[in-house]
Amino acid sequence: MPNTASAKKRLRQNETRRLRNRAARSTVRTSIRKVREAVKAGNGDDAQTAYRVAQKQLDQAAAKNLIHRNAAARTKARLNKLVKTVTAA
């Protein structure tokens, strides 16, 4: 347990940030899952729409250092590849 006032404040800040980061990461994961589900269902229009949302959320998460920027780029590339398989078919 923190003893000083500054350590107590830091603990409160860390808890708030942890919850905010968890919520943001969860949102990103949900958007990625929606893209994959749309692709699996074979719905090209929904997949493209979901991909645009996921792309934006991944970029925002990378900008806030929630995930590494290369991890965001890699995920976007893989999702885009999936979406193209549905739209081309």
Foldseek 3Di string as FASTA:
>chain_A
DDDDPVVVVVVVVVVVVVVVLVVLVVVLVVLLVQLVVCLVVLPLVSNVVSLVVNLVSLVVCCVVVSDPNVVSVVSSVVSVVSSVVSVVD
